[in-house]
């Protein structure tokens, strides 16, 4: 893997993670978190697209795949995330 491939991978991951976070109304996780979410989203999206018999081979297709996977990943995480209990309600 050459340097340009790594840079493209990181840019796609960061962009996909950022877009998915905005789409899911997530508070944001910073640049490194966006890269991780986008990278894992790319793997999840690739798996989901293969199940649906979609083939992507372009840069835009990779971005769509990564965003779709990142949105699915964040959706699943939100399902299992426990709601936060505010400290105001326990003061009464």
PDB file of N, CA and C in Angstrom:
ATOM      1  N   UNK A   1       0.855  -1.168   0.000  1.00  0.00           N
ATOM      2  CA  UNK A   1       0.000   0.000   0.000  1.00  0.00           C
ATOM      3  C   UNK A   1       0.903   1.233   0.000  1.00  0.00           C
ATOM      4  N   UNK A   2       0.723   2.083  -0.982  1.00  0.00           N
ATOM      5  CA  UNK A   2       1.558   3.279  -1.056  1.00  0.00           C
ATOM      6  C   UNK A   2       0.932   4.435  -0.275  1.00  0.00           C
ATOM      7  N   UNK A   3       1.663   5.522  -0.171  1.00  0.00           N
ATOM      8  CA  UNK A   3       1.253   6.669   0.640  1.00  0.00           C
ATOM      9  C   UNK A   3      -0.047   7.291   0.126  1.00  0.00           C
ATOM     10  N   UNK A   4      -0.198   7.400  -1.176  1.00  0.00           N
ATOM     11  CA  UNK A   4      -1.416   8.020  -1.718  1.00  0.00           C
ATOM     12  C   UNK A   4      -2.653   7.181  -1.393  1.00  0.00           C
ATOM     13  N   UNK A   5      -2.530   5.868  -1.396  1.00  0.00           N
ATOM     14  CA  UNK A   5      -3.650   5.003  -1.047  1.00  0.00           C
ATOM     15  C   UNK A   5      -4.050   5.208   0.412  1.00  0.00           C
ATOM     16  N   UNK A   6      -3.075   5.323   1.294  1.00  0.00           N
ATOM     17  CA  UNK A   6      -3.344   5.546   2.709  1.00  0.00           C
ATOM     18  C   UNK A   6      -4.016   6.897   2.914  1.00  0.00           C
ATOM     19  N   UNK A   7      -3.538   7.922   2.232  1.00  0.00           N
ATOM     20  CA  UNK A   7      -4.124   9.256   2.357  1.00  0.00           C
ATOM     21  C   UNK A   7      -5.574   9.245   1.870  1.00  0.00           C
ATOM     22  N   UNK A   8      -5.832   8.613   0.749  1.00  0.00           N
ATOM     23  CA  UNK A   8      -7.200   8.519   0.220  1.00  0.00           C
ATOM     24  C   UNK A   8      -8.091   7.766   1.200  1.00  0.00           C
ATOM     25  N   UNK A   9      -7.585   6.672   1.762  1.00  0.00           N
ATOM     26  CA  UNK A   9      -8.329   5.891   2.751  1.00  0.00           C
ATOM     27  C   UNK A   9      -8.683   6.751   3.963  1.00  0.00           C
ATOM     28  N   UNK A  10      -7.732   7.529   4.465  1.00  0.00           N
ATOM     29  CA  UNK A  10      -7.970   8.383   5.628  1.00  0.00           C
ATOM     30  C   UNK A  10      -8.962   9.502   5.316  1.00  0.00           C
ATOM     31  N   UNK A  11      -8.850  10.095   4.129  1.00  0.00           N
ATOM     32  CA  UNK A  11      -9.773  11.169   3.747  1.00  0.00           C
ATOM     33  C   UNK A  11     -11.195  10.628   3.592  1.00  0.00           C
ATOM     34  N   UNK A  12     -11.336   9.491   2.943  1.00  0.00           N
ATOM     35  CA  UNK A  12     -12.661   8.876   2.796  1.00  0.00           C
ATOM     36  C   UNK A  12     -13.217   8.514   4.169  1.00  0.00           C
ATOM     37  N   UNK A  13     -12.397   7.938   5.025  1.00  0.00           N
ATOM     38  CA  UNK A  13     -12.851   7.566   6.369  1.00  0.00           C
ATOM     39  C   UNK A  13     -13.282   8.767   7.178  1.00  0.00           C
ATOM     40  N   UNK A  14     -12.480   9.830   7.162  1.00  0.00           N
ATOM     41  CA  UNK A  14     -12.815  11.036   7.926  1.00  0.00           C
ATOM     42  C   UNK A  14     -14.084  11.683   7.400  1.00  0.00           C
ATOM     43  N   UNK A  15     -14.214  11.769   6.094  1.00  0.00           N
ATOM     44  CA  UNK A  15     -15.395  12.387   5.490  1.00  0.00           C
ATOM     45  C   UNK A  15     -16.643  11.557   5.756  1.00  0.00           C
ATOM     46  N   UNK A  16     -16.526  10.252   5.594  1.00  0.00           N
ATOM     47  CA  UNK A  16     -17.676   9.374   5.832  1.00  0.00           C
ATOM     48  C   UNK A  16     -18.089   9.412   7.300  1.00  0.00           C
ATOM     49  N   UNK A  17     -17.135   9.387   8.204  1.00  0.00           N
ATOM     50  CA  UNK A  17     -17.448   9.448   9.631  1.00  0.00           C
ATOM     51  C   UNK A  17     -18.093  10.766  10.020  1.00  0.00           C
ATOM     52  N   UNK A  18     -17.581  11.868   9.477  1.00  0.00           N
ATOM     53  CA  UNK A  18     -18.156  13.181   9.762  1.00  0.00           C
ATOM     54  C   UNK A  18     -19.582  13.272   9.238  1.00  0.00           C
ATOM     55  N   UNK A  19     -19.776  12.843   7.992  1.00  0.00           N
ATOM     56  CA  UNK A  19     -21.104  12.915   7.386  1.00  0.00           C
ATOM     57  C   UNK A  19     -22.101  12.035   8.130  1.00  0.00           C
ATOM     58  N   UNK A  20     -21.672  10.839   8.505  1.00  0.00           N
ATOM     59  CA  UNK A  20     -22.560   9.933   9.242  1.00  0.00           C
ATOM     60  C   UNK A  20     -22.915  10.521  10.602  1.00  0.00           C
ATOM     61  N   UNK A  21     -21.943  11.128  11.277  1.00  0.00           N
ATOM     62  CA  UNK A  21     -22.206  11.755  12.569  1.00  0.00           C
ATOM     63  C   UNK A  21     -23.201  12.890  12.453  1.00  0.00           C
ATOM     64  N   UNK A  22     -23.073  13.706  11.424  1.00  0.00           N
ATOM     65  CA  UNK A  22     -24.021  14.799  11.198  1.00  0.00           C
ATOM     66  C   UNK A  22     -25.405  14.252  10.857  1.00  0.00           C
ATOM     67  N   UNK A  23     -25.456  13.200  10.053  1.00  0.00           N
ATOM     68  CA  UNK A  23     -26.716  12.603   9.633  1.00  0.00           C
ATOM     69  C   UNK A  23     -27.448  11.954  10.804  1.00  0.00           C
ATOM     70  N   UNK A  24     -26.708  11.386  11.744  1.00  0.00           N
ATOM     71  CA  UNK A  24     -27.308  10.695  12.884  1.00  0.00           C
ATOM     72  C   UNK A  24     -27.453  11.614  14.095  1.00  0.00           C
ATOM     73  N   UNK A  25     -27.195  12.913  13.931  1.00  0.00           N
ATOM     74  CA  UNK A  25     -27.268  13.889  15.016  1.00  0.00           C
ATOM     75  C   UNK A  25     -26.404  13.491  16.209  1.00  0.00           C
ATOM     76  N   UNK A  26     -25.259  12.929  15.923  1.00  0.00           N
ATOM     77  CA  UNK A  26     -24.307  12.553  16.956  1.00  0.00           C
ATOM     78  C   UNK A  26     -23.508  13.797  17.322  1.00  0.00           C
ATOM     79  N   UNK A  27     -23.041  13.879  18.540  1.00  0.00           N
ATOM     80  CA  UNK A  27     -22.338  15.060  18.991  1.00  0.00           C
ATOM     81  C   UNK A  27     -20.996  15.275  18.321  1.00  0.00           C
ATOM     82  N   UNK A  28     -20.473  14.293  17.664  1.00  0.00           N
ATOM     83  CA  UNK A  28     -19.168  14.394  17.022  1.00  0.00           C
ATOM     84  C   UNK A  28     -18.099  13.736  17.869  1.00  0.00           C
ATOM     85  N   UNK A  29     -17.132  13.173  17.214  1.00  0.00           N
ATOM     86  CA  UNK A  29     -16.093  12.444  17.932  1.00  0.00           C
ATOM     87  C   UNK A  29     -14.696  12.902  17.541  1.00  0.00           C
ATOM     88  N   UNK A  30     -14.578  13.968  16.801  1.00  0.00           N
ATOM     89  CA  UNK A  30     -13.274  14.472  16.404  1.00  0.00           C
ATOM     90  C   UNK A  30     -12.744  13.781  15.158  1.00  0.00           C
ATOM     91  N   UNK A  31     -11.605  14.266  14.698  1.00  0.00           N
ATOM     92  CA  UNK A  31     -11.030  13.767  13.443  1.00  0.00           C
ATOM     93  C   UNK A  31     -10.661  12.291  13.532  1.00  0.00           C
ATOM     94  N   UNK A  32      -9.945  11.896  14.577  1.00  0.00           N
ATOM     95  CA  UNK A  32      -9.529  10.490  14.675  1.00  0.00           C
ATOM     96  C   UNK A  32     -10.738   9.574  14.840  1.00  0.00           C
ATOM     97  N   UNK A  33     -11.746  10.005  15.591  1.00  0.00           N
ATOM     98  CA  UNK A  33     -12.963   9.208  15.730  1.00  0.00           C
ATOM     99  C   UNK A  33     -13.703   9.082  14.417  1.00  0.00           C
ATOM    100  N   UNK A  34     -13.756  10.182  13.656  1.00  0.00           N
ATOM    101  CA  UNK A  34     -14.391  10.133  12.336  1.00  0.00           C
ATOM    102  C   UNK A  34     -13.678   9.163  11.413  1.00  0.00           C
ATOM    103  N   UNK A  35     -12.347   9.159  11.465  1.00  0.00           N
ATOM    104  CA  UNK A  35     -11.581   8.233  10.619  1.00  0.00           C
ATOM    105  C   UNK A  35     -11.896   6.793  10.994  1.00  0.00           C
ATOM    106  N   UNK A  36     -11.943   6.511  12.298  1.00  0.00           N
ATOM    107  CA  UNK A  36     -12.234   5.144  12.754  1.00  0.00           C
ATOM    108  C   UNK A  36     -13.651   4.739  12.357  1.00  0.00           C
ATOM    109  N   UNK A  37     -14.625   5.626  12.614  1.00  0.00           N
ATOM    110  CA  UNK A  37     -16.016   5.323  12.250  1.00  0.00           C
ATOM    111  C   UNK A  37     -16.149   5.135  10.747  1.00  0.00           C
ATOM    112  N   UNK A  38     -15.499   5.988   9.971  1.00  0.00           N
ATOM    113  CA  UNK A  38     -15.555   5.865   8.516  1.00  0.00           C
ATOM    114  C   UNK A  38     -14.880   4.602   8.010  1.00  0.00           C
ATOM    115  N   UNK A  39     -13.747   4.240   8.610  1.00  0.00           N
ATOM    116  CA  UNK A  39     -13.033   3.028   8.188  1.00  0.00           C
ATOM    117  C   UNK A  39     -13.851   1.781   8.505  1.00  0.00           C
ATOM    118  N   UNK A  40     -14.363   1.713   9.730  1.00  0.00           N
ATOM    119  CA  UNK A  40     -15.210   0.571  10.088  1.00  0.00           C
ATOM    120  C   UNK A  40     -16.488   0.600   9.254  1.00  0.00           C
ATOM    121  N   UNK A  41     -17.011   1.805   9.022  1.00  0.00           N
ATOM    122  CA  UNK A  41     -18.195   1.947   8.173  1.00  0.00           C
ATOM    123  C   UNK A  41     -17.951   1.452   6.763  1.00  0.00           C
ATOM    124  N   UNK A  42     -16.746   1.671   6.250  1.00  0.00           N
ATOM    125  CA  UNK A  42     -16.405   1.165   4.919  1.00  0.00           C
ATOM    126  C   UNK A  42     -16.447  -0.354   4.865  1.00  0.00           C
ATOM    127  N   UNK A  43     -15.985  -0.976   5.933  1.00  0.00           N
ATOM    128  CA  UNK A  43     -16.019  -2.447   6.005  1.00  0.00           C
ATOM    129  C   UNK A  43     -17.460  -2.934   6.117  1.00  0.00           C
ATOM    130  N   UNK A  44     -18.224  -2.309   7.026  1.00  0.00           N
ATOM    131  CA  UNK A  44     -19.629  -2.684   7.206  1.00  0.00           C
ATOM    132  C   UNK A  44     -20.415  -2.435   5.922  1.00  0.00           C
ATOM    133  N   UNK A  45     -20.213  -1.256   5.313  1.00  0.00           N
ATOM    134  CA  UNK A  45     -20.910  -0.932   4.070  1.00  0.00           C
ATOM    135  C   UNK A  45     -20.556  -1.891   2.945  1.00  0.00           C
ATOM    136  N   UNK A  46     -19.281  -2.250   2.841  1.00  0.00           N
ATOM    137  CA  UNK A  46     -18.869  -3.211   1.821  1.00  0.00           C
ATOM    138  C   UNK A  46     -19.561  -4.553   2.004  1.00  0.00           C
ATOM    139  N   UNK A  47     -19.664  -4.986   3.256  1.00  0.00           N
ATOM    140  CA  UNK A  47     -20.347  -6.248   3.546  1.00  0.00           C
ATOM    141  C   UNK A  47     -21.830  -6.156   3.192  1.00  0.00           C
ATOM    142  N   UNK A  48     -22.466  -5.047   3.617  1.00  0.00           N
ATOM    143  CA  UNK A  48     -23.898  -4.878   3.321  1.00  0.00           C
ATOM    144  C   UNK A  48     -24.159  -4.789   1.822  1.00  0.00           C
ATOM    145  N   UNK A  49     -23.302  -4.054   1.107  1.00  0.00           N
ATOM    146  CA  UNK A  49     -23.491  -3.920  -0.343  1.00  0.00           C
ATOM    147  C   UNK A  49     -23.285  -5.251  -1.057  1.00  0.00           C
ATOM    148  N   UNK A  50     -22.340  -6.073  -0.572  1.00  0.00           N
ATOM    149  CA  UNK A  50     -22.151  -7.398  -1.178  1.00  0.00           C
ATOM    150  C   UNK A  50     -23.371  -8.279  -0.941  1.00  0.00           C
ATOM    151  N   UNK A  51     -23.985  -8.156   0.260  1.00  0.00           N
ATOM    152  CA  UNK A  51     -25.209  -8.919   0.535  1.00  0.00           C
ATOM    153  C   UNK A  51     -26.336  -8.519  -0.412  1.00  0.00           C
ATOM    154  N   UNK A  52     -26.377  -7.231  -0.756  1.00  0.00           N
ATOM    155  CA  UNK A  52     -27.413  -6.717  -1.650  1.00  0.00           C
ATOM    156  C   UNK A  52     -27.012  -6.804  -3.120  1.00  0.00           C
ATOM    157  N   UNK A  53     -25.863  -7.397  -3.404  1.00  0.00           N
ATOM    158  CA  UNK A  53     -25.336  -7.610  -4.742  1.00  0.00           C
ATOM    159  C   UNK A  53     -25.102  -6.280  -5.477  1.00  0.00           C
ATOM    160  N   UNK A  54     -24.572  -5.302  -4.758  1.00  0.00           N
ATOM    161  CA  UNK A  54     -24.138  -4.047  -5.365  1.00  0.00           C
ATOM    162  C   UNK A  54     -22.632  -4.084  -5.489  1.00  0.00           C
ATOM    163  N   UNK A  55     -22.130  -3.620  -6.603  1.00  0.00           N
ATOM    164  CA  UNK A  55     -20.692  -3.555  -6.804  1.00  0.00           C
ATOM    165  C   UNK A  55     -20.293  -2.099  -7.002  1.00  0.00           C
ATOM    166  N   UNK A  56     -19.291  -1.666  -6.243  1.00  0.00           N
ATOM    167  CA  UNK A  56     -18.778  -0.307  -6.393  1.00  0.00           C
ATOM    168  C   UNK A  56     -17.296  -0.403  -6.704  1.00  0.00           C
ATOM    169  N   UNK A  57     -16.850   0.458  -7.577  1.00  0.00           N
ATOM    170  CA  UNK A  57     -15.454   0.406  -7.949  1.00  0.00           C
ATOM    171  C   UNK A  57     -14.798   1.762  -8.079  1.00  0.00           C
ATOM    172  N   UNK A  58     -15.578   2.806  -7.901  1.00  0.00           N
ATOM    173  CA  UNK A  58     -15.028   4.145  -8.075  1.00  0.00           C
ATOM    174  C   UNK A  58     -14.805   4.807  -6.722  1.00  0.00           C
ATOM    175  N   UNK A  59     -14.184   5.971  -6.758  1.00  0.00           N
ATOM    176  CA  UNK A  59     -13.951   6.743  -5.542  1.00  0.00           C
ATOM    177  C   UNK A  59     -15.280   7.181  -4.927  1.00  0.00           C
ATOM    178  N   UNK A  60     -16.207   7.616  -5.759  1.00  0.00           N
ATOM    179  CA  UNK A  60     -17.525   8.028  -5.264  1.00  0.00           C
ATOM    180  C   UNK A  60     -18.278   6.819  -4.710  1.00  0.00           C
ATOM    181  N   UNK A  61     -18.169   5.697  -5.353  1.00  0.00           N
ATOM    182  CA  UNK A  61     -18.793   4.478  -4.849  1.00  0.00           C
ATOM    183  C   UNK A  61     -18.226   4.064  -3.508  1.00  0.00           C
ATOM    184  N   UNK A  62     -16.920   4.223  -3.344  1.00  0.00           N
ATOM    185  CA  UNK A  62     -16.291   3.929  -2.054  1.00  0.00           C
ATOM    186  C   UNK A  62     -16.801   4.866  -0.975  1.00  0.00           C
ATOM    187  N   UNK A  63     -16.988   6.127  -1.322  1.00  0.00           N
ATOM    188  CA  UNK A  63     -17.501   7.102  -0.354  1.00  0.00           C
ATOM    189  C   UNK A  63     -18.927   6.761   0.056  1.00  0.00           C
ATOM    190  N   UNK A  64     -19.765   6.427  -0.926  1.00  0.00           N
ATOM    191  CA  UNK A  64     -21.152   6.065  -0.637  1.00  0.00           C
ATOM    192  C   UNK A  64     -21.193   4.822   0.250  1.00  0.00           C
ATOM    193  N   UNK A  65     -20.365   3.845  -0.061  1.00  0.00           N
ATOM    194  CA  UNK A  65     -20.298   2.624   0.730  1.00  0.00           C
ATOM    195  C   UNK A  65     -19.871   2.918   2.161  1.00  0.00           C
ATOM    196  N   UNK A  66     -18.842   3.737   2.331  1.00  0.00           N
ATOM    197  CA  UNK A  66     -18.349   4.062   3.660  1.00  0.00           C
ATOM    198  C   UNK A  66     -19.366   4.856   4.465  1.00  0.00           C
ATOM    199  N   UNK A  67     -20.045   5.804   3.828  1.00  0.00           N
ATOM    200  CA  UNK A  67     -21.067   6.596   4.526  1.00  0.00           C
ATOM    201  C   UNK A  67     -22.230   5.693   4.943  1.00  0.00           C
ATOM    202  N   UNK A  68     -22.697   4.855   4.041  1.00  0.00           N
ATOM    203  CA  UNK A  68     -23.806   3.953   4.366  1.00  0.00           C
ATOM    204  C   UNK A  68     -23.434   3.026   5.520  1.00  0.00           C
ATOM    205  N   UNK A  69     -22.238   2.501   5.483  1.00  0.00           N
ATOM    206  CA  UNK A  69     -21.787   1.623   6.568  1.00  0.00           C
ATOM    207  C   UNK A  69     -21.609   2.367   7.876  1.00  0.00           C
ATOM    208  N   UNK A  70     -21.093   3.590   7.819  1.00  0.00           N
ATOM    209  CA  UNK A  70     -20.906   4.383   9.032  1.00  0.00           C
ATOM    210  C   UNK A  70     -22.244   4.763   9.649  1.00  0.00           C
ATOM    211  N   UNK A  71     -23.230   5.109   8.821  1.00  0.00           N
ATOM    212  CA  UNK A  71     -24.570   5.415   9.327  1.00  0.00           C
ATOM    213  C   UNK A  71     -25.166   4.172   9.982  1.00  0.00           C
ATOM    214  N   UNK A  72     -25.026   3.018   9.341  1.00  0.00           N
ATOM    215  CA  UNK A  72     -25.533   1.770   9.923  1.00  0.00           C
ATOM    216  C   UNK A  72     -24.828   1.472  11.243  1.00  0.00           C
ATOM    217  N   UNK A  73     -23.534   1.681  11.287  1.00  0.00           N
ATOM    218  CA  UNK A  73     -22.761   1.437  12.499  1.00  0.00           C
ATOM    219  C   UNK A  73     -23.222   2.355  13.632  1.00  0.00           C
ATOM    220  N   UNK A  74     -23.363   3.641  13.361  1.00  0.00           N
ATOM    221  CA  UNK A  74     -23.813   4.577  14.384  1.00  0.00           C
ATOM    222  C   UNK A  74     -25.241   4.280  14.837  1.00  0.00           C
ATOM    223  N   UNK A  75     -26.081   3.832  13.925  1.00  0.00           N
ATOM    224  CA  UNK A  75     -27.448   3.461  14.275  1.00  0.00           C
ATOM    225  C   UNK A  75     -27.448   2.287  15.250  1.00  0.00           C
ATOM    226  N   UNK A  76     -26.632   1.290  14.968  1.00  0.00           N
ATOM    227  CA  UNK A  76     -26.547   0.110  15.839  1.00  0.00           C
ATOM    228  C   UNK A  76     -25.986   0.501  17.203  1.00  0.00           C
ATOM    229  N   UNK A  77     -24.974   1.357  17.221  1.00  0.00           N
ATOM    230  CA  UNK A  77     -24.393   1.807  18.485  1.00  0.00           C
ATOM    231  C   UNK A  77     -25.432   2.562  19.302  1.00  0.00           C
ATOM    232  N   UNK A  78     -26.226   3.412  18.649  1.00  0.00           N
ATOM    233  CA  UNK A  78     -27.269   4.166  19.354  1.00  0.00           C
ATOM    234  C   UNK A  78     -28.320   3.242  19.951  1.00  0.00           C
ATOM    235  N   UNK A  79     -28.625   2.138  19.280  1.00  0.00           N
ATOM    236  CA  UNK A  79     -29.607   1.198  19.803  1.00  0.00           C
ATOM    237  C   UNK A  79     -29.152   0.585  21.122  1.00  0.00           C
ATOM    238  N   UNK A  80     -27.864   0.330  21.231  1.00  0.00           N
ATOM    239  CA  UNK A  80     -27.336  -0.342  22.409  1.00  0.00           C
ATOM    240  C   UNK A  80     -26.782   0.609  23.464  1.00  0.00           C
ATOM    241  N   UNK A  81     -26.743   1.887  23.157  1.00  0.00           N
ATOM    242  CA  UNK A  81     -26.216   2.870  24.092  1.00  0.00           C
ATOM    243  C   UNK A  81     -27.265   3.168  25.157  1.00  0.00           C
ATOM    244  N   UNK A  82     -26.855   3.137  26.416  1.00  0.00           N
ATOM    245  CA  UNK A  82     -27.778   3.417  27.504  1.00  0.00           C
ATOM    246  C   UNK A  82     -28.052   4.914  27.568  1.00  0.00           C
ATOM    247  N   UNK A  83     -29.299   5.305  27.817  1.00  0.00           N
ATOM    248  CA  UNK A  83     -29.596   6.729  27.961  1.00  0.00           C
ATOM    249  C   UNK A  83     -28.954   7.277  29.236  1.00  0.00           C
ATOM    250  N   UNK A  84     -28.485   8.516  29.147  1.00  0.00           N
ATOM    251  CA  UNK A  84     -27.860   9.157  30.299  1.00  0.00           C
ATOM    252  C   UNK A  84     -28.943   9.710  31.218  1.00  0.00           C
ATOM    253  N   UNK A  85     -28.764   9.496  32.491  1.00  0.00           N
ATOM    254  CA  UNK A  85     -29.695  10.019  33.479  1.00  0.00           C
ATOM    255  C   UNK A  85     -29.116  11.324  33.998  1.00  0.00           C
ATOM    256  N   UNK A  86     -29.892  12.385  33.917  1.00  0.00           N
ATOM    257  CA  UNK A  86     -29.398  13.685  34.352  1.00  0.00           C
ATOM    258  C   UNK A  86     -29.373  13.751  35.872  1.00  0.00           C
ATOM    259  N   UNK A  87     -28.421  14.492  36.407  1.00  0.00           N
ATOM    260  CA  UNK A  87     -28.279  14.611  37.854  1.00  0.00           C
ATOM    261  C   UNK A  87     -29.339  15.540  38.446  1.00  0.00           C
ATOM    262  N   UNK A  88     -29.997  16.352  37.629  1.00  0.00           N
ATOM    263  CA  UNK A  88     -31.017  17.261  38.112  1.00  0.00           C
ATOM    264  C   UNK A  88     -32.224  16.511  38.667  1.00  0.00           C
ATOM    265  N   UNK A  89     -32.606  15.416  38.044  1.00  0.00           N
ATOM    266  CA  UNK A  89     -33.791  14.687  38.480  1.00  0.00           C
ATOM    267  C   UNK A  89     -33.571  13.970  39.813  1.00  0.00           C
ATOM    268  N   UNK A  90     -32.326  13.681  40.178  1.00  0.00           N
ATOM    269  CA  UNK A  90     -32.062  12.989  41.423  1.00  0.00           C
ATOM    270  C   UNK A  90     -31.885  13.944  42.594  1.00  0.00           C
ATOM    271  N   UNK A  91     -31.841  15.263  42.352  1.00  0.00           N
ATOM    272  CA  UNK A  91     -31.654  16.240  43.409  1.00  0.00           C
ATOM    273  C   UNK A  91     -32.939  16.548  44.157  1.00  0.00           C
ATOM    274  N   UNK A  92     -34.073  16.167  43.639  1.00  0.00           N
ATOM    275  CA  UNK A  92     -35.346  16.541  44.254  1.00  0.00           C
ATOM    276  C   UNK A  92     -35.637  15.706  45.418  1.00  0.00           C
TER     277      UNK A  92
END
